Protein backbone atom coordinates (compact mmCIF):
# COMPACT_ATOMS: atom_id res chain seq x y z
CA MET A 1 134.82 -12.95 135.95
CA SER A 2 132.81 -14.90 138.69
CA ASN A 3 129.37 -16.41 138.24
CA SER A 4 128.80 -16.35 142.07
CA PRO A 5 125.86 -15.24 143.80
CA THR A 6 127.87 -12.23 144.86
CA THR A 7 128.29 -11.22 141.17
CA SER A 8 124.54 -11.67 140.50
CA LEU A 9 123.59 -9.26 143.36
CA LYS A 10 126.38 -6.80 142.11
CA LEU A 11 124.53 -6.94 138.85
CA LEU A 12 121.26 -6.15 140.33
CA SER A 13 122.54 -3.72 142.79
CA PRO A 14 121.28 -0.45 141.20
CA LEU A 15 117.53 -1.97 141.33
CA ARG A 16 117.86 -1.70 145.45
CA HIS A 17 117.37 1.89 144.84
CA ARG A 18 113.63 2.50 145.24
CA ASP A 19 113.45 5.63 142.67
CA PHE A 20 115.61 3.79 140.11
CA ARG A 21 113.47 0.70 140.41
CA LEU A 22 110.26 2.49 139.97
CA PHE A 23 111.87 4.33 137.02
CA TRP A 24 112.80 1.25 135.44
CA ILE A 25 109.72 -0.57 135.63
CA GLY A 26 108.06 2.49 134.25
CA LEU A 27 110.34 2.50 131.16
CA LEU A 28 109.99 -1.01 130.84
CA LEU A 29 106.06 -0.80 130.26
CA SER A 30 106.20 2.35 128.14
CA SER A 31 108.92 0.92 125.88
CA VAL A 32 106.59 -2.18 125.38
CA GLY A 33 103.82 0.26 124.38
CA SER A 34 106.02 1.83 122.23
CA GLN A 35 106.93 -1.41 120.39
CA PHE A 36 103.45 -1.99 119.80
CA THR A 37 103.20 1.21 117.79
CA THR A 38 106.33 0.51 115.89
CA VAL A 39 105.14 -2.79 114.77
CA ALA A 40 101.43 -1.62 113.95
CA MET A 41 102.35 1.06 111.93
CA ALA A 42 105.39 -0.37 110.00
CA TRP A 43 102.74 -3.25 109.12
CA GLN A 44 99.68 -0.64 108.36
CA ILE A 45 101.78 1.62 106.07
CA TYR A 46 102.95 -1.38 103.69
CA GLU A 47 99.35 -2.66 103.95
CA LEU A 48 98.40 0.68 102.68
CA THR A 49 100.74 1.60 100.02
CA ASN A 50 102.61 -1.87 99.14
CA SER A 51 105.61 0.29 99.00
CA PRO A 52 109.27 -0.25 100.68
CA LEU A 53 109.74 3.32 100.13
CA GLN A 54 106.64 4.64 102.25
CA ILE A 55 108.12 2.57 104.60
CA GLY A 56 111.45 4.40 104.64
CA LEU A 57 109.50 7.92 104.63
CA ILE A 58 108.04 7.08 107.78
CA GLY A 59 111.82 6.96 109.07
CA LEU A 60 112.38 10.53 107.46
CA VAL A 61 109.63 11.75 108.73
CA ARG A 62 110.63 11.00 112.22
CA ALA A 63 114.21 12.04 111.63
CA LEU A 64 113.66 15.60 110.63
CA PRO A 65 111.90 16.83 114.34
CA GLN A 66 114.13 14.67 116.03
CA VAL A 67 117.22 16.46 115.30
CA ALA A 68 115.90 19.82 116.80
CA MET A 69 113.97 18.69 119.36
CA LEU A 70 116.68 16.72 120.79
CA LEU A 71 118.87 19.62 120.72
CA PHE A 72 116.21 21.98 122.62
CA GLY A 73 115.48 18.87 124.84
CA GLY A 74 119.15 18.62 125.84
CA LEU A 75 119.43 22.31 127.01
CA LEU A 76 115.91 22.05 128.89
CA ALA A 77 117.11 18.79 130.67
CA ASP A 78 120.22 20.84 131.94
CA ALA A 79 118.21 23.96 132.57
CA MET A 80 114.62 22.63 134.38
CA ASP A 81 113.41 20.15 136.33
CA ARG A 82 113.98 16.70 134.61
CA ARG A 83 111.01 15.18 136.09
CA ARG A 84 108.45 17.56 135.33
CA LEU A 85 109.84 18.00 131.62
CA MET A 86 109.34 14.01 131.27
CA MET A 87 105.46 14.12 132.98
CA ALA A 88 104.69 16.86 130.48
CA THR A 89 105.79 14.81 127.62
CA GLN A 90 104.14 11.84 128.81
CA ALA A 91 101.01 13.61 128.81
CA SER A 92 101.25 15.27 125.14
CA LEU A 93 102.33 11.21 124.11
CA PHE A 94 99.30 10.00 125.50
CA VAL A 95 96.95 12.57 123.57
CA VAL A 96 98.88 11.75 120.43
CA SER A 97 98.75 7.94 120.70
CA GLY A 98 95.24 7.88 121.77
CA THR A 99 94.16 10.00 118.99
CA LEU A 100 95.78 7.63 116.66
CA ALA A 101 93.96 4.78 118.07
CA TYR A 102 90.65 6.61 117.73
CA LEU A 103 91.43 7.47 113.81
CA THR A 104 92.46 3.77 113.24
CA MET A 105 89.27 2.35 115.31
CA THR A 106 87.11 4.65 112.99
CA GLY A 107 88.50 3.81 109.86
CA SER A 108 89.79 7.52 109.16
CA VAL A 109 93.62 6.55 108.76
CA ILE A 110 95.52 7.01 105.48
CA SER A 111 99.35 7.00 104.99
CA LEU A 112 99.38 10.89 105.28
CA THR A 113 97.75 10.08 108.90
CA LEU A 114 100.29 7.96 109.96
CA TYR A 115 102.83 10.49 108.58
CA GLY A 116 101.44 13.50 110.77
CA VAL A 117 101.30 11.54 113.67
CA THR A 118 104.77 10.00 113.51
CA VAL A 119 105.79 14.13 113.51
CA PHE A 120 104.10 14.41 116.87
CA LEU A 121 105.34 11.22 118.51
CA ALA A 122 108.94 12.33 117.70
CA LEU A 123 108.58 15.66 118.44
CA PHE A 124 107.50 14.79 122.21
CA SER A 125 109.65 11.46 122.38
CA SER A 126 112.72 13.43 121.30
CA LEU A 127 111.88 16.36 123.57
CA GLU A 128 112.19 14.21 126.87
CA ALA A 129 114.82 11.74 125.61
CA PRO A 130 117.87 13.75 127.06
CA SER A 131 115.93 14.04 130.27
CA ARG A 132 115.53 10.17 130.44
CA HIS A 133 119.11 9.63 129.90
CA ALA A 134 120.37 12.25 132.36
CA ILE A 135 118.10 11.51 135.26
CA VAL A 136 119.45 7.99 135.85
CA THR A 137 122.68 9.88 136.91
CA ASN A 138 120.38 11.41 139.63
CA LEU A 139 118.80 7.80 141.11
CA VAL A 140 121.93 6.00 141.73
CA PRO A 141 125.40 6.99 143.38
CA ALA A 142 128.30 7.15 140.81
CA GLU A 143 129.41 3.52 141.63
CA ASP A 144 126.47 1.95 140.44
CA LEU A 145 126.08 4.10 137.25
CA PRO A 146 127.75 1.75 134.61
CA ARG A 147 125.46 -1.42 136.01
CA ALA A 148 122.57 1.34 136.06
CA MET A 149 123.25 1.96 132.16
CA ALA A 150 123.38 -1.67 131.60
CA ILE A 151 120.06 -2.40 133.33
CA SER A 152 118.25 0.32 131.69
CA SER A 153 119.46 -1.44 128.27
CA THR A 154 118.10 -4.48 129.72
CA GLN A 155 114.69 -2.76 130.03
CA ARG A 156 114.58 -1.54 126.41
CA GLN A 157 115.40 -5.03 125.15
CA ILE A 158 113.21 -6.91 127.36
CA ALA A 159 110.63 -4.56 125.95
CA THR A 160 111.64 -5.04 122.30
CA ILE A 161 111.30 -9.00 122.81
CA ALA A 162 107.95 -8.95 124.44
CA GLY A 163 106.32 -5.73 122.77
CA PRO A 164 107.01 -7.06 119.14
CA SER A 165 105.69 -10.67 120.03
CA ILE A 166 102.66 -9.66 121.54
CA ALA A 167 101.88 -7.09 118.92
CA GLY A 168 102.33 -9.28 116.13
CA LEU A 169 99.43 -11.27 117.86
CA ILE A 170 97.26 -8.56 118.42
CA LEU A 171 97.85 -7.23 114.84
CA ALA A 172 97.02 -10.69 113.32
CA PHE A 173 93.63 -10.55 115.42
CA ALA A 174 92.63 -7.36 116.72
CA GLY A 175 94.17 -5.15 114.28
CA PRO A 176 96.45 -1.88 114.82
CA ALA A 177 94.04 0.07 116.77
CA LEU A 178 94.36 -1.75 119.92
CA CYS A 179 98.00 -1.51 119.30
CA TYR A 180 98.02 2.22 119.54
CA ALA A 181 95.51 2.16 122.56
CA ILE A 182 97.91 0.04 124.64
CA ASP A 183 100.69 2.45 123.69
CA ALA A 184 98.60 5.28 125.11
CA ILE A 185 98.01 3.55 128.25
CA SER A 186 101.69 2.93 128.84
CA TRP A 187 102.21 6.67 128.57
CA LEU A 188 99.84 7.49 131.33
CA VAL A 189 101.58 4.45 133.46
CA MET A 190 104.93 6.54 133.18
CA PHE A 191 103.46 9.53 134.25
CA ALA A 192 102.11 7.86 137.13
CA VAL A 193 105.51 6.58 138.06
CA LEU A 194 107.30 10.24 137.84
CA LEU A 195 104.92 11.26 140.31
CA LEU A 196 106.10 8.59 142.76
CA ILE A 197 109.92 9.27 142.57
CA ARG A 198 111.17 10.95 145.69
CA ALA A 199 114.80 11.72 144.75
CA GLU A 200 115.84 15.16 145.08
CA LEU A 201 116.95 16.49 141.80
CA PRO A 202 119.51 19.33 141.31
CA GLN A 203 117.86 22.72 141.46
CA ARG A 204 118.10 24.40 137.99
CA GLY A 205 117.56 27.84 136.86
CA GLY A 206 114.28 26.99 134.65
CA TRP A 207 113.13 27.55 131.36
CA ARG A 208 113.98 31.16 131.61
CA THR A 209 117.90 30.43 131.75
CA VAL A 210 117.85 28.34 128.73
CA SER A 211 120.51 29.81 126.25
CA PHE A 212 121.61 28.48 122.89
CA SER A 213 124.88 29.87 123.38
CA ALA A 214 124.96 27.00 126.01
CA LEU A 215 124.43 24.38 123.13
CA GLY A 216 127.60 25.46 121.72
CA VAL A 217 129.51 24.64 124.95
CA GLY A 218 127.89 21.06 124.49
CA PHE A 219 129.03 20.68 120.90
CA ARG A 220 132.63 21.79 121.71
CA PHE A 221 132.76 19.21 124.46
CA VAL A 222 131.80 16.41 122.14
CA TRP A 223 133.79 17.25 118.99
CA GLY A 224 136.73 18.11 121.26
CA HIS A 225 136.67 14.46 123.10
CA ALA A 226 139.13 12.28 121.46
CA VAL A 227 137.00 9.17 121.82
CA ILE A 228 133.37 10.20 122.22
CA PHE A 229 133.29 12.07 119.06
CA PRO A 230 134.77 9.29 116.70
CA PHE A 231 132.47 6.53 118.27
CA LEU A 232 129.68 8.91 117.60
CA MET A 233 130.70 9.11 113.70
CA MET A 234 130.71 5.20 113.63
CA ASP A 235 127.50 5.13 115.40
CA LEU A 236 126.17 7.65 112.40
CA GLY A 237 127.38 5.38 109.83
CA VAL A 238 126.45 2.11 111.37
CA ASN A 239 122.77 3.35 111.98
CA VAL A 240 122.37 4.92 108.40
CA PHE A 241 123.68 2.01 106.50
CA GLY A 242 122.81 -0.77 109.03
CA THR A 243 118.94 0.01 109.82
CA VAL A 244 117.33 -3.47 108.41
CA ARG A 245 114.39 -2.99 110.85
CA ALA A 246 112.75 -0.81 107.99
CA LEU A 247 112.81 -3.98 105.76
CA TYR A 248 111.46 -6.51 108.36
CA PRO A 249 107.77 -6.16 106.83
CA ILE A 250 109.02 -6.76 103.40
CA TYR A 251 110.85 -9.99 104.67
CA ALA A 252 107.92 -11.12 106.80
CA ARG A 253 105.45 -10.64 104.26
CA ASP A 254 107.12 -11.50 100.66
CA ILE A 255 110.56 -12.92 101.72
CA LEU A 256 109.91 -15.37 104.29
CA ALA A 257 106.23 -15.38 103.89
CA VAL A 258 105.31 -15.73 107.98
CA GLY A 259 103.00 -12.59 107.94
CA PRO A 260 102.52 -10.20 111.10
CA GLN A 261 103.22 -13.23 113.62
CA GLY A 262 106.48 -13.52 111.78
CA LEU A 263 106.95 -9.62 111.82
CA GLY A 264 106.80 -9.63 115.52
CA VAL A 265 109.25 -12.57 115.97
CA LEU A 266 111.88 -10.89 113.68
CA TYR A 267 111.49 -7.69 115.70
CA ALA A 268 111.85 -9.69 118.90
CA ALA A 269 114.89 -11.59 117.82
CA SER A 270 117.48 -8.88 117.67
CA ALA A 271 116.12 -7.49 120.85
CA ALA A 272 116.60 -11.02 122.57
CA GLY A 273 120.02 -10.75 121.14
CA ALA A 274 120.42 -7.60 122.95
CA LEU A 275 119.25 -8.62 126.58
CA ILE A 276 121.63 -11.41 126.01
CA GLY A 277 124.40 -9.25 125.26
CA ALA A 278 123.53 -6.56 128.16
CA LEU A 279 123.18 -9.28 130.85
CA GLY A 280 126.44 -11.10 129.86
CA LEU A 281 128.11 -7.55 129.96
CA SER A 282 126.82 -6.82 133.26
CA LEU A 283 128.10 -9.92 134.55
CA PHE A 284 131.62 -9.40 133.38
CA GLY A 285 131.29 -6.16 135.48
CA GLN A 286 133.18 -2.72 134.11
CA ILE A 287 135.23 -4.11 131.09
CA ARG A 288 138.77 -2.20 131.06
CA GLN A 289 139.46 -2.55 127.18
CA ALA A 290 136.46 -0.84 126.16
CA GLY A 291 137.63 0.05 122.48
CA ARG A 292 138.00 -3.24 121.33
CA TRP A 293 135.10 -4.61 122.69
CA ILE A 294 133.08 -1.89 120.79
CA LEU A 295 134.64 -2.65 117.70
CA PHE A 296 133.94 -6.70 118.34
CA GLY A 297 130.55 -5.69 118.92
CA VAL A 298 129.89 -3.86 115.77
CA THR A 299 132.01 -6.35 113.70
CA VAL A 300 129.59 -9.28 115.00
CA TYR A 301 126.36 -6.73 114.01
CA GLY A 302 127.92 -6.31 110.60
CA LEU A 303 128.38 -9.90 109.88
CA CYS A 304 125.17 -11.17 111.40
CA LEU A 305 123.30 -8.76 109.33
CA LEU A 306 125.05 -9.62 106.14
CA GLY A 307 123.83 -13.25 106.48
CA PHE A 308 120.24 -12.05 107.40
CA ALA A 309 120.31 -10.27 104.21
CA TYR A 310 120.43 -13.28 102.05
CA SER A 311 118.84 -15.78 104.13
CA ARG A 312 115.66 -17.45 103.28
CA TRP A 313 115.10 -19.75 106.25
CA PHE A 314 112.87 -17.89 108.86
CA TRP A 315 114.36 -19.24 111.96
CA LEU A 316 117.77 -18.92 110.35
CA SER A 317 116.93 -15.15 109.94
CA ALA A 318 115.76 -14.90 113.50
CA LEU A 319 119.01 -16.45 115.22
CA LEU A 320 121.22 -14.00 112.86
CA LEU A 321 119.08 -11.20 114.08
CA LEU A 322 119.76 -12.62 117.83
CA GLY A 323 123.57 -12.68 116.87
CA SER A 324 123.06 -8.93 115.62
CA GLY A 325 121.46 -7.69 118.78
CA ILE A 326 124.36 -9.32 121.00
CA GLY A 327 126.92 -7.49 119.10
CA ASP A 328 125.09 -4.28 118.81
CA THR A 329 124.09 -4.21 122.59
CA ILE A 330 127.82 -4.62 123.56
CA SER A 331 128.86 -1.89 121.39
CA ALA A 332 126.16 0.35 122.51
CA ILE A 333 126.19 -0.20 126.64
CA LEU A 334 129.92 0.70 126.54
CA ARG A 335 129.57 3.69 124.38
CA SER A 336 127.19 5.10 126.93
CA THR A 337 129.05 4.10 129.76
CA ILE A 338 132.25 6.17 128.22
CA ASN A 339 129.93 9.06 127.35
CA GLN A 340 128.27 9.19 130.91
CA LEU A 341 131.79 8.88 132.86
CA SER A 342 133.49 11.01 130.97
CA THR A 343 130.54 13.86 130.84
CA PRO A 344 130.53 16.51 133.76
CA ASP A 345 126.81 16.56 135.33
CA GLU A 346 125.85 20.00 134.40
CA LEU A 347 126.89 19.10 130.40
CA ARG A 348 125.10 15.57 130.35
CA GLY A 349 121.82 16.85 128.97
CA ARG A 350 123.40 18.40 126.06
CA MET A 351 125.63 15.62 125.68
CA SER A 352 122.73 13.04 125.68
CA SER A 353 120.95 15.11 123.26
CA ILE A 354 123.69 15.36 120.88
CA ASN A 355 124.52 11.65 121.39
CA SER A 356 121.01 10.90 120.43
CA ILE A 357 120.95 12.71 117.15
CA PHE A 358 123.49 10.02 116.24
CA THR A 359 121.78 7.21 117.75
CA ASN A 360 118.19 8.28 117.17
CA SER A 361 118.16 10.05 114.16
CA GLY A 362 120.70 7.93 112.27
CA PRO A 363 118.42 4.67 112.56
CA GLN A 364 115.45 7.00 111.13
CA LEU A 365 117.66 8.29 108.23
CA GLY A 366 118.82 4.79 107.78
CA GLN A 367 115.15 3.65 107.39
CA PHE A 368 114.87 6.02 104.78
CA GLN A 369 117.87 5.08 102.98
CA ALA A 370 116.96 1.46 103.34
CA GLY A 371 113.15 1.77 102.09
CA ALA A 372 114.51 3.83 98.89
CA LEU A 373 117.10 1.68 98.18
CA ALA A 374 115.12 -1.34 98.26
CA ALA A 375 112.84 0.16 96.13
CA VAL A 376 115.52 0.20 93.35
CA ILE A 377 117.84 -3.06 94.10
CA GLY A 378 115.33 -5.05 96.24
CA ALA A 379 115.39 -5.64 100.11
CA GLU A 380 118.03 -8.32 100.05
CA MET A 381 120.72 -6.16 98.38
CA ALA A 382 119.92 -3.22 100.19
CA ALA A 383 120.45 -5.07 103.35
CA GLY A 384 123.58 -6.79 101.92
CA ALA A 385 125.33 -3.60 100.94
CA GLY A 386 124.81 -1.89 104.49
CA ALA A 387 126.37 -4.68 106.21
CA VAL A 388 129.35 -4.42 103.90
CA ILE A 389 129.71 -0.60 104.72
CA ILE A 390 129.57 -1.19 108.30
CA LEU A 391 132.44 -3.61 108.13
CA LEU A 392 134.28 -1.17 106.23
CA ILE A 393 133.79 1.62 108.92
CA VAL A 394 134.89 -1.17 111.57
CA GLY A 395 138.13 -1.50 109.44
CA ILE A 396 138.84 2.25 108.93
CA LEU A 397 138.60 2.68 112.95
CA ILE A 398 141.00 -0.29 113.65
CA ALA A 399 143.48 0.72 110.93
CA GLY A 400 143.22 4.65 111.47
CA PHE A 401 142.32 5.37 114.81
CA PRO A 402 144.79 3.21 117.44
CA HIS A 403 143.80 5.51 120.26
CA VAL A 404 140.04 4.47 119.88
CA ARG A 405 140.72 0.69 119.15
CA ASP A 406 142.92 0.68 122.44
CA TYR A 407 140.85 2.90 124.54
CA ARG A 408 140.79 1.78 128.27
CA ILE A 409 138.22 2.79 130.92
CA LYS A 410 140.47 3.86 133.80
CA ARG A 411 140.07 2.28 137.36
CA GLY A 412 138.16 4.59 139.83
CA ASP A 413 136.16 6.15 136.61
CA GLY A 414 132.41 6.59 137.68
């Protein structure tokens, strides 16, 4: 590893491509807006209902449409112009977020309203998610792809540092309506960015060529891959049992007593760790012993969550969440790189949609699991039990799947 200026320039090399740079900026602003909605909705539903289970139900309501639309979105991403598909979804998301802002401002929101809006946000976000991941491969050359994936991750983490922190302040002093309005504007910004992209994307057959039988090809590829599939199963387990974000409002209001401003810090802390993890991994360049680093990252994640579960000191809790973000992101970036490098371009949309079922829907199911369990045994016991299960999953992979544990990225990949 080198910390020379040359190394730093290599880290940022994907940003020299105009279209990727614009795309990155657009995603950053859009992701910040989405974080505003995440924080505002979690706080609003807990204030309206005072129920951990109701927070968890938001996750379940989000997960159900995600499964169907991620699959369909993957088919569309491989059959249609990915840029135009994303433009259509950004416009739809603007309408949904703008409507929620108006209803909140006029005092017309009840818990059922938030569930309904969540369904539509999940539908349109899931429809465009496979295109958002797959289009990166069309904006940078293959040799820049691993770093482009890492930089894409830093965008998400910057957003989840800045977004919740600012949202917590806005929520405390202006209420949730302004948070939702800012999110609506961010979708328009991303729409404008997509208009400015000049890259010639591969010509595809259009929506008439969409075939659900083609989805079977994607499933067979993923399930038949000796490394992608075991890591997907690991990711599902980690997300279902390790999603403590659903419990942040309970920790902020009832356990740590830090209010909405503290809630924003809790969301931002894990994202700050994720940013550190992404930047650190990028400075290393391409890590060959990917399997061991992935398992190391998940182990760090589980241990930090175990500490967070029983911490009663706010800043210690934030520090542990920062550590969990570092571990989780090391694992996530390496798994994403393996997925992209191992998948032919014509299957990337379908592979991304199948992968997203586990990586996106898993946390939503985890939110429901955490909320329901917290309603029975308390937030601290629910978070602690999830952390222990994560560590057990890592132990099973280390002991029972040596080809996954010892997987190496070969020279020349990508």
